N, C-alpha and C. Protein backbone atom coordinates (compact mmCIF):
# COMPACT_ATOMS: atom_id res chain seq x y z
N MET A 1 0.90 -1.11 -0.04
CA MET A 1 -0.05 0.15 0.05
C MET A 1 0.76 1.19 -0.11
N SER A 2 1.34 1.53 -1.02
CA SER A 2 2.25 2.80 -1.16
C SER A 2 1.38 3.94 -0.70
N THR A 3 2.21 5.06 -0.48
CA THR A 3 1.52 6.37 0.01
C THR A 3 1.31 7.29 -1.01
N PHE A 4 0.49 8.17 -1.01
CA PHE A 4 0.32 9.23 -1.92
C PHE A 4 -0.14 10.53 -1.22
N VAL A 5 0.06 11.74 -1.81
CA VAL A 5 -0.31 13.01 -1.25
C VAL A 5 -1.48 13.65 -1.75
N TYR A 6 -2.35 14.14 -1.01
CA TYR A 6 -3.44 15.15 -1.52
C TYR A 6 -2.81 16.57 -1.47
N MET A 7 -2.56 17.00 -2.70
CA MET A 7 -1.82 18.32 -3.06
C MET A 7 -2.55 19.40 -2.49
N THR A 8 -4.00 19.30 -2.34
CA THR A 8 -4.63 20.35 -1.86
C THR A 8 -4.64 20.60 -0.32
N SER A 9 -4.37 19.45 0.32
CA SER A 9 -4.26 19.43 1.81
C SER A 9 -2.81 19.70 2.23
N CYS A 10 -1.76 19.28 1.40
CA CYS A 10 -0.21 19.53 1.87
C CYS A 10 0.13 20.89 1.95
N ASP A 11 0.85 21.37 3.09
CA ASP A 11 1.21 22.68 3.26
C ASP A 11 2.78 22.65 3.07
N GLY A 12 3.49 21.65 2.76
CA GLY A 12 4.99 21.44 2.44
C GLY A 12 5.72 21.55 3.60
N CYS A 13 5.25 21.29 4.64
CA CYS A 13 5.90 21.45 5.98
C CYS A 13 7.30 20.61 6.09
N GLY A 14 7.21 19.31 5.34
CA GLY A 14 8.47 18.60 5.22
C GLY A 14 8.57 17.43 6.34
N HIS A 15 7.53 17.21 7.20
CA HIS A 15 7.49 16.34 8.21
C HIS A 15 7.88 14.86 7.64
N CYS A 16 7.15 14.62 6.66
CA CYS A 16 7.21 13.30 5.84
C CYS A 16 8.42 13.06 5.20
N VAL A 17 9.25 14.00 4.75
CA VAL A 17 10.38 14.00 3.97
C VAL A 17 11.55 13.59 5.11
N ASP A 18 11.47 14.40 6.26
CA ASP A 18 12.35 14.04 7.33
C ASP A 18 12.24 12.64 7.87
N ILE A 19 11.13 12.04 7.96
CA ILE A 19 10.95 10.74 8.67
C ILE A 19 10.92 9.48 7.78
N CYS A 20 10.73 9.63 6.30
CA CYS A 20 10.80 8.76 5.43
C CYS A 20 12.02 7.79 5.58
N PRO A 21 11.98 6.51 5.97
CA PRO A 21 13.27 5.68 6.12
C PRO A 21 13.71 5.34 4.59
N SER A 22 12.88 5.29 3.61
CA SER A 22 13.63 4.88 2.23
C SER A 22 13.83 6.13 1.35
N ASP A 23 13.61 7.36 1.89
CA ASP A 23 13.87 8.70 1.21
C ASP A 23 13.28 8.68 -0.04
N ILE A 24 11.92 8.49 -0.18
CA ILE A 24 11.07 8.60 -1.30
C ILE A 24 10.25 9.76 -1.22
N MET A 25 10.12 10.30 -0.13
CA MET A 25 9.17 11.47 0.14
C MET A 25 10.01 12.72 -0.22
N HIS A 26 9.63 13.81 -1.18
CA HIS A 26 10.20 14.68 -1.56
C HIS A 26 9.36 15.85 -1.57
N ILE A 27 9.97 17.20 -1.55
CA ILE A 27 9.11 18.41 -1.88
C ILE A 27 9.41 18.89 -3.17
N ASP A 28 8.31 18.99 -3.94
CA ASP A 28 8.44 19.62 -5.27
C ASP A 28 8.80 21.08 -5.33
N PRO A 29 9.81 21.22 -5.92
CA PRO A 29 10.36 22.74 -5.86
C PRO A 29 9.58 23.77 -6.36
N THR A 30 8.81 23.37 -7.43
CA THR A 30 7.66 24.11 -8.08
C THR A 30 6.54 24.32 -7.26
N THR A 31 5.88 23.58 -6.73
CA THR A 31 4.58 23.62 -6.18
C THR A 31 4.78 23.68 -4.67
N ARG A 32 5.85 23.40 -4.10
CA ARG A 32 6.31 23.36 -2.53
C ARG A 32 5.30 22.41 -1.93
N ARG A 33 4.90 21.11 -2.53
CA ARG A 33 3.99 20.21 -1.80
C ARG A 33 4.95 18.88 -2.00
N ALA A 34 4.71 18.09 -0.96
CA ALA A 34 5.34 16.70 -0.81
C ALA A 34 4.65 15.84 -1.95
N TYR A 35 5.60 14.77 -2.36
CA TYR A 35 5.12 13.71 -3.04
C TYR A 35 6.06 12.39 -3.03
N ASN A 36 5.46 11.28 -3.27
CA ASN A 36 6.11 10.09 -3.30
C ASN A 36 6.81 10.07 -4.72
N ILE A 37 8.29 10.08 -4.59
CA ILE A 37 9.15 9.95 -6.09
C ILE A 37 8.96 8.50 -6.57
N GLU A 38 8.91 7.56 -5.61
CA GLU A 38 9.03 6.11 -6.09
C GLU A 38 8.05 5.30 -5.18
N PRO A 39 6.73 5.13 -5.63
CA PRO A 39 5.71 4.29 -4.88
C PRO A 39 6.18 3.01 -4.70
N ASN A 40 6.97 2.15 -5.76
CA ASN A 40 7.17 1.05 -5.59
C ASN A 40 8.39 0.56 -4.43
N PHE A 41 8.99 1.55 -4.07
CA PHE A 41 9.87 1.47 -2.95
C PHE A 41 9.34 1.73 -1.76
N CYS A 42 8.01 2.10 -1.44
CA CYS A 42 7.59 2.43 -0.24
C CYS A 42 7.67 1.16 0.74
N TRP A 43 8.10 1.38 1.85
CA TRP A 43 7.97 0.29 3.03
C TRP A 43 6.93 0.06 3.64
N GLU A 44 5.85 0.88 3.35
CA GLU A 44 4.76 0.93 4.03
C GLU A 44 4.66 0.82 5.53
N CYS A 45 5.53 1.80 6.06
CA CYS A 45 5.67 1.92 7.62
C CYS A 45 4.83 2.90 8.10
N TYR A 46 4.16 3.62 7.15
CA TYR A 46 3.21 4.72 7.75
C TYR A 46 3.97 5.69 8.54
N SER A 47 5.15 5.92 8.50
CA SER A 47 5.74 7.00 9.21
C SER A 47 5.46 8.33 8.63
N CYS A 48 5.24 8.40 7.45
CA CYS A 48 4.94 9.81 6.80
C CYS A 48 3.46 9.94 7.10
N VAL A 49 2.53 9.07 7.05
CA VAL A 49 1.16 9.23 7.48
C VAL A 49 0.94 9.76 8.92
N LYS A 50 1.71 9.11 9.72
CA LYS A 50 1.68 9.46 11.10
C LYS A 50 2.18 10.90 11.48
N ALA A 51 3.26 11.15 10.49
CA ALA A 51 4.06 12.69 10.82
C ALA A 51 3.31 13.62 10.26
N CYS A 52 2.39 13.65 9.38
CA CYS A 52 1.70 14.59 8.62
C CYS A 52 0.64 15.33 9.50
N PRO A 53 0.86 16.62 9.81
CA PRO A 53 -0.18 17.35 10.79
C PRO A 53 -1.43 17.65 9.80
N GLN A 54 -1.30 17.70 8.62
CA GLN A 54 -2.39 18.18 7.72
C GLN A 54 -3.28 16.97 7.36
N ASN A 55 -2.99 15.67 7.69
CA ASN A 55 -3.68 14.46 7.04
C ASN A 55 -3.94 14.39 5.63
N ALA A 56 -2.59 14.92 4.98
CA ALA A 56 -2.53 15.06 3.59
C ALA A 56 -2.00 13.78 2.79
N ILE A 57 -1.61 12.87 3.59
CA ILE A 57 -1.03 11.54 3.01
C ILE A 57 -1.93 10.37 3.17
N ASP A 58 -2.06 9.68 2.17
CA ASP A 58 -3.01 8.50 2.41
C ASP A 58 -2.13 7.30 1.77
N ALA A 59 -3.00 6.09 2.00
CA ALA A 59 -2.19 4.94 1.38
C ALA A 59 -3.32 4.11 0.53
N ARG A 60 -2.90 3.64 -0.76
CA ARG A 60 -3.52 2.94 -1.63
C ARG A 60 -3.80 1.53 -1.01
N GLY A 61 -5.02 1.07 -1.17
CA GLY A 61 -5.19 -0.40 -0.73
C GLY A 61 -5.01 -1.24 -1.67
N TYR A 62 -4.77 -2.63 -1.19
CA TYR A 62 -4.39 -3.64 -2.19
C TYR A 62 -5.48 -4.04 -2.90
N ALA A 63 -5.48 -4.67 -3.99
CA ALA A 63 -6.66 -4.91 -4.82
C ALA A 63 -7.41 -6.23 -4.32
N ASP A 64 -6.76 -6.92 -3.31
CA ASP A 64 -7.69 -8.06 -2.85
C ASP A 64 -8.81 -7.61 -1.94
N PHE A 65 -8.47 -6.29 -1.23
CA PHE A 65 -9.51 -5.91 -0.38
C PHE A 65 -10.06 -4.57 -0.72
N ALA A 66 -9.41 -3.86 -1.54
CA ALA A 66 -10.06 -2.48 -1.94
C ALA A 66 -10.33 -2.19 -3.13
N PRO A 67 -11.59 -1.91 -3.67
CA PRO A 67 -11.91 -1.70 -5.01
C PRO A 67 -10.82 -0.79 -5.79
N MET A 68 -10.83 -0.90 -7.11
CA MET A 68 -9.94 -0.01 -7.82
C MET A 68 -10.33 1.40 -7.53
N GLY A 69 -9.35 2.29 -7.24
CA GLY A 69 -9.61 3.79 -7.03
C GLY A 69 -9.87 3.98 -5.56
N HIS A 70 -9.96 2.95 -4.84
CA HIS A 70 -10.27 3.38 -3.44
C HIS A 70 -9.04 3.40 -2.60
N SER A 71 -9.12 4.02 -1.56
CA SER A 71 -7.95 4.15 -0.54
C SER A 71 -8.34 3.85 0.84
N VAL A 72 -7.29 3.59 1.59
CA VAL A 72 -7.30 3.24 2.86
C VAL A 72 -7.13 4.80 3.59
N ARG A 73 -8.18 5.28 4.24
CA ARG A 73 -8.23 6.52 4.81
C ARG A 73 -7.64 6.75 6.09
N VAL A 74 -6.63 7.43 6.38
CA VAL A 74 -6.06 7.53 7.62
C VAL A 74 -6.32 8.61 8.39
N LEU A 75 -6.81 8.57 9.59
CA LEU A 75 -6.93 9.95 10.32
C LEU A 75 -5.95 10.15 11.56
N ARG A 76 -5.42 11.31 11.51
CA ARG A 76 -4.39 11.51 12.81
C ARG A 76 -5.25 12.42 13.53
N GLU A 77 -5.25 11.93 14.80
CA GLU A 77 -5.93 12.79 15.87
C GLU A 77 -4.87 13.07 16.88
N GLU A 78 -4.38 14.49 16.77
CA GLU A 78 -3.22 14.81 17.51
C GLU A 78 -3.58 15.03 19.05
N GLU A 79 -5.05 15.43 19.22
CA GLU A 79 -5.47 15.56 20.67
C GLU A 79 -5.57 14.31 21.56
N LYS A 80 -5.64 13.35 20.73
CA LYS A 80 -5.81 12.03 21.30
C LYS A 80 -4.57 11.23 21.24
N GLY A 81 -3.63 11.81 20.40
CA GLY A 81 -2.29 11.08 20.43
C GLY A 81 -2.50 9.72 19.65
N THR A 82 -3.51 9.72 18.69
CA THR A 82 -3.59 8.40 18.14
C THR A 82 -3.55 8.60 16.48
N ILE A 83 -3.47 7.48 15.75
CA ILE A 83 -3.77 7.50 14.44
C ILE A 83 -4.47 6.48 14.07
N SER A 84 -5.61 6.59 13.27
CA SER A 84 -6.57 5.35 13.08
C SER A 84 -6.81 5.26 11.47
N TRP A 85 -7.21 4.08 11.13
CA TRP A 85 -7.66 3.95 9.82
C TRP A 85 -8.69 2.91 9.64
N LYS A 86 -9.49 2.94 8.75
CA LYS A 86 -10.58 1.98 8.44
C LYS A 86 -10.48 1.39 6.98
N ILE A 87 -10.55 0.13 7.09
CA ILE A 87 -10.25 -0.70 5.80
C ILE A 87 -11.66 -1.32 5.57
N LYS A 88 -12.38 -1.12 4.43
CA LYS A 88 -13.53 -1.68 4.04
C LYS A 88 -13.10 -2.76 3.00
N PHE A 89 -13.49 -4.15 3.38
CA PHE A 89 -13.25 -5.30 2.54
C PHE A 89 -14.34 -5.51 1.40
N ARG A 90 -13.97 -6.21 0.30
CA ARG A 90 -14.98 -6.11 -0.75
C ARG A 90 -16.27 -6.93 -0.27
N ASP A 91 -16.29 -7.76 0.75
CA ASP A 91 -17.35 -8.55 1.22
C ASP A 91 -18.16 -7.80 2.24
N GLY A 92 -17.86 -6.56 2.41
CA GLY A 92 -18.66 -5.74 3.25
C GLY A 92 -18.15 -5.54 4.77
N ARG A 93 -17.10 -6.49 5.04
CA ARG A 93 -16.69 -6.39 6.44
C ARG A 93 -15.92 -5.10 6.59
N GLU A 94 -15.76 -4.70 7.86
CA GLU A 94 -15.02 -3.33 8.03
C GLU A 94 -13.93 -3.60 9.10
N LYS A 95 -12.79 -3.12 9.12
CA LYS A 95 -11.72 -3.37 10.07
C LYS A 95 -11.08 -1.99 10.58
N ASN A 96 -11.17 -1.71 11.93
CA ASN A 96 -10.69 -0.41 12.24
C ASN A 96 -9.40 -0.65 13.05
N PHE A 97 -8.42 0.25 12.87
CA PHE A 97 -6.96 0.12 13.48
C PHE A 97 -6.80 1.53 14.25
N VAL A 98 -6.44 1.38 15.47
CA VAL A 98 -6.01 2.57 16.26
C VAL A 98 -4.82 2.32 16.89
N SER A 99 -3.65 3.21 16.64
CA SER A 99 -2.53 3.11 17.34
C SER A 99 -1.81 4.40 17.64
N PRO A 100 -1.04 4.34 18.91
CA PRO A 100 -0.58 5.81 19.28
C PRO A 100 0.54 6.41 18.26
N ILE A 101 0.48 7.47 17.95
CA ILE A 101 1.27 8.34 17.11
C ILE A 101 2.92 8.02 17.62
N ARG A 102 2.96 8.08 19.01
CA ARG A 102 4.37 7.91 19.33
C ARG A 102 4.16 6.77 20.44
N THR A 103 5.12 6.33 20.81
CA THR A 103 5.17 5.09 21.87
C THR A 103 5.96 5.73 23.15
N THR A 104 6.63 6.85 22.87
CA THR A 104 7.47 7.41 23.85
C THR A 104 7.05 8.95 23.77
N PRO A 105 7.18 9.45 24.89
CA PRO A 105 6.94 10.95 24.95
C PRO A 105 8.05 11.88 24.06
N TRP A 106 7.73 12.90 23.64
CA TRP A 106 8.55 13.83 22.90
C TRP A 106 9.56 14.32 23.63
N GLY A 107 10.95 14.15 23.13
CA GLY A 107 12.04 14.66 23.94
C GLY A 107 12.48 13.46 25.11
N SER A 108 12.05 12.34 25.04
CA SER A 108 12.32 11.41 26.12
C SER A 108 13.68 10.64 25.57
N ILE A 109 13.90 10.61 24.29
CA ILE A 109 14.85 9.85 23.81
C ILE A 109 16.08 10.89 23.51
N LYS A 110 17.31 10.41 23.90
CA LYS A 110 18.53 11.51 23.85
C LYS A 110 19.07 11.22 22.35
N GLY A 111 19.44 12.26 21.96
CA GLY A 111 19.88 12.44 20.39
C GLY A 111 21.36 12.08 20.54
N PRO A 112 21.88 11.75 19.48
CA PRO A 112 23.42 11.24 19.40
C PRO A 112 24.33 12.29 20.09
N ALA A 113 24.16 13.63 20.00
CA ALA A 113 25.05 14.55 20.38
C ALA A 113 25.05 14.52 22.01
N GLU A 114 23.95 14.10 22.53
CA GLU A 114 23.79 14.11 24.05
C GLU A 114 24.72 13.05 24.74
N TYR A 115 25.13 12.00 24.07
CA TYR A 115 26.05 10.90 24.51
C TYR A 115 27.38 11.40 24.73
N GLU A 116 28.07 10.57 25.40
CA GLU A 116 29.59 11.07 25.54
C GLU A 116 30.17 10.18 24.52
N ASP A 117 31.33 10.67 24.04
CA ASP A 117 32.05 10.08 23.00
C ASP A 117 32.78 8.59 23.46
N PRO A 118 32.83 7.65 22.64
CA PRO A 118 33.38 6.32 23.07
C PRO A 118 34.91 6.71 23.46
N ASN A 119 35.29 5.91 24.39
CA ASN A 119 36.89 5.99 24.62
C ASN A 119 37.45 5.00 23.61
N THR A 120 38.71 4.95 23.63
CA THR A 120 39.62 4.06 22.65
C THR A 120 39.42 2.74 23.09
N GLN A 121 39.17 2.31 24.10
CA GLN A 121 39.02 0.73 24.41
C GLN A 121 37.67 0.35 23.89
N GLU A 122 36.72 1.34 23.76
CA GLU A 122 35.42 0.92 23.32
C GLU A 122 35.34 0.34 21.95
N TYR A 123 36.40 1.13 21.28
CA TYR A 123 36.33 0.98 19.72
C TYR A 123 36.93 -0.54 19.22
N SER A 124 37.37 -1.10 20.31
CA SER A 124 37.92 -2.68 19.95
C SER A 124 36.96 -3.75 20.38
N THR A 125 35.85 -3.31 21.05
CA THR A 125 34.79 -4.25 21.33
C THR A 125 33.91 -4.42 20.30
N GLN A 126 33.08 -5.67 20.39
CA GLN A 126 32.13 -6.09 19.51
C GLN A 126 30.76 -5.29 19.88
N GLN A 127 30.49 -4.58 20.81
CA GLN A 127 29.41 -3.77 21.32
C GLN A 127 28.98 -2.61 20.36
N LEU A 128 27.78 -2.30 20.31
CA LEU A 128 27.63 -1.02 19.52
C LEU A 128 27.61 0.02 20.62
N ALA A 129 27.52 1.14 20.19
CA ALA A 129 27.51 2.37 20.98
C ALA A 129 26.54 2.27 22.09
N HIS A 130 27.06 2.45 23.34
CA HIS A 130 26.14 2.54 24.51
C HIS A 130 25.29 1.20 24.79
N GLU A 131 25.84 0.16 24.32
CA GLU A 131 25.39 -1.19 24.81
C GLU A 131 26.16 -1.48 26.09
N PRO A 132 25.71 -2.11 27.21
CA PRO A 132 24.32 -2.77 27.14
C PRO A 132 23.32 -1.76 27.86
N ASP A 133 23.77 -0.40 28.25
CA ASP A 133 23.16 0.63 29.01
C ASP A 133 21.89 0.93 28.07
N ALA A 134 21.96 1.07 26.83
CA ALA A 134 20.81 1.47 26.07
C ALA A 134 19.59 0.37 26.19
N LEU A 135 20.00 -0.79 26.25
CA LEU A 135 19.18 -1.96 26.28
C LEU A 135 18.61 -2.20 27.79
N LYS A 136 19.20 -1.57 28.75
CA LYS A 136 18.79 -1.64 30.03
C LYS A 136 18.91 -3.03 30.53
N VAL A 137 20.27 -3.57 30.45
CA VAL A 137 20.69 -4.92 30.91
C VAL A 137 22.03 -4.64 31.47
N GLU A 138 22.37 -5.52 32.46
CA GLU A 138 23.78 -5.32 33.17
C GLU A 138 24.81 -5.70 32.27
N ALA A 139 24.63 -6.64 31.51
CA ALA A 139 25.59 -7.15 30.52
C ALA A 139 25.08 -7.87 29.37
N LEU A 140 25.68 -7.90 28.25
CA LEU A 140 25.14 -8.55 27.05
C LEU A 140 25.65 -10.22 27.23
N PRO A 141 24.85 -10.96 26.66
CA PRO A 141 25.23 -12.48 26.93
C PRO A 141 26.46 -12.70 25.86
N THR A 142 27.30 -13.68 26.45
CA THR A 142 28.49 -13.94 25.61
C THR A 142 28.68 -15.33 25.40
N ILE A 143 29.56 -15.75 24.42
CA ILE A 143 29.80 -17.19 24.06
C ILE A 143 31.26 -17.26 24.07
N SER A 144 31.87 -18.07 24.92
CA SER A 144 33.40 -18.41 24.74
C SER A 144 33.66 -19.19 23.56
N ARG A 145 35.02 -18.98 23.29
CA ARG A 145 35.59 -19.81 22.24
C ARG A 145 35.32 -21.22 22.23
N ASN A 146 35.53 -21.90 23.55
CA ASN A 146 35.41 -23.27 23.58
C ASN A 146 33.85 -23.90 23.61
N GLN A 147 32.89 -22.96 23.57
CA GLN A 147 31.44 -23.35 23.48
C GLN A 147 31.16 -23.54 21.80
N PHE A 148 32.08 -23.22 20.83
CA PHE A 148 31.92 -23.26 19.50
C PHE A 148 32.41 -24.66 19.00
N VAL A 149 31.49 -25.41 18.24
CA VAL A 149 32.00 -26.69 17.77
C VAL A 149 32.44 -26.67 16.27
N GLU A 150 33.47 -27.28 16.17
CA GLU A 150 34.18 -27.34 14.70
C GLU A 150 33.63 -28.34 14.17
N GLY A 151 33.32 -28.29 12.78
CA GLY A 151 33.00 -29.31 11.80
C GLY A 151 31.50 -29.54 11.83
N PRO A 152 30.86 -30.46 11.08
CA PRO A 152 29.57 -30.73 11.07
C PRO A 152 29.00 -31.41 12.22
N LEU A 153 27.68 -31.20 12.61
CA LEU A 153 27.05 -31.55 13.84
C LEU A 153 26.73 -32.94 13.65
């Protein structure tokens, strides 16, 4: 279900461009409106739909449940902190989905610049930056060399 933009609703704020993980949402330099440059590469993550304050981004339904020309209309409700959409199947059944816009409060996640730089000893470990602290565990599980079995099992 690739996304598309209602040009009459889009104000060109660029929130969708900033959040798109596949970098396919762009702002048209002439119209100053967002558009999906390559719908086939859409990850269907709904990040742009959730981020759009104007409800200007929608998703096309798959042909197995949405008639041709039909869309899956998404509603962002900022005051409730939710995003919801309704899908109507061809046999008449309806399915309603409601999700939080965010799962963490704004500002609760530290940005990369807020962390201390790694020291030289940390560069030689297999751990990623800030592990295991960011995972909220004391230590990561390890496997010693003698636990590996050589050859076929």
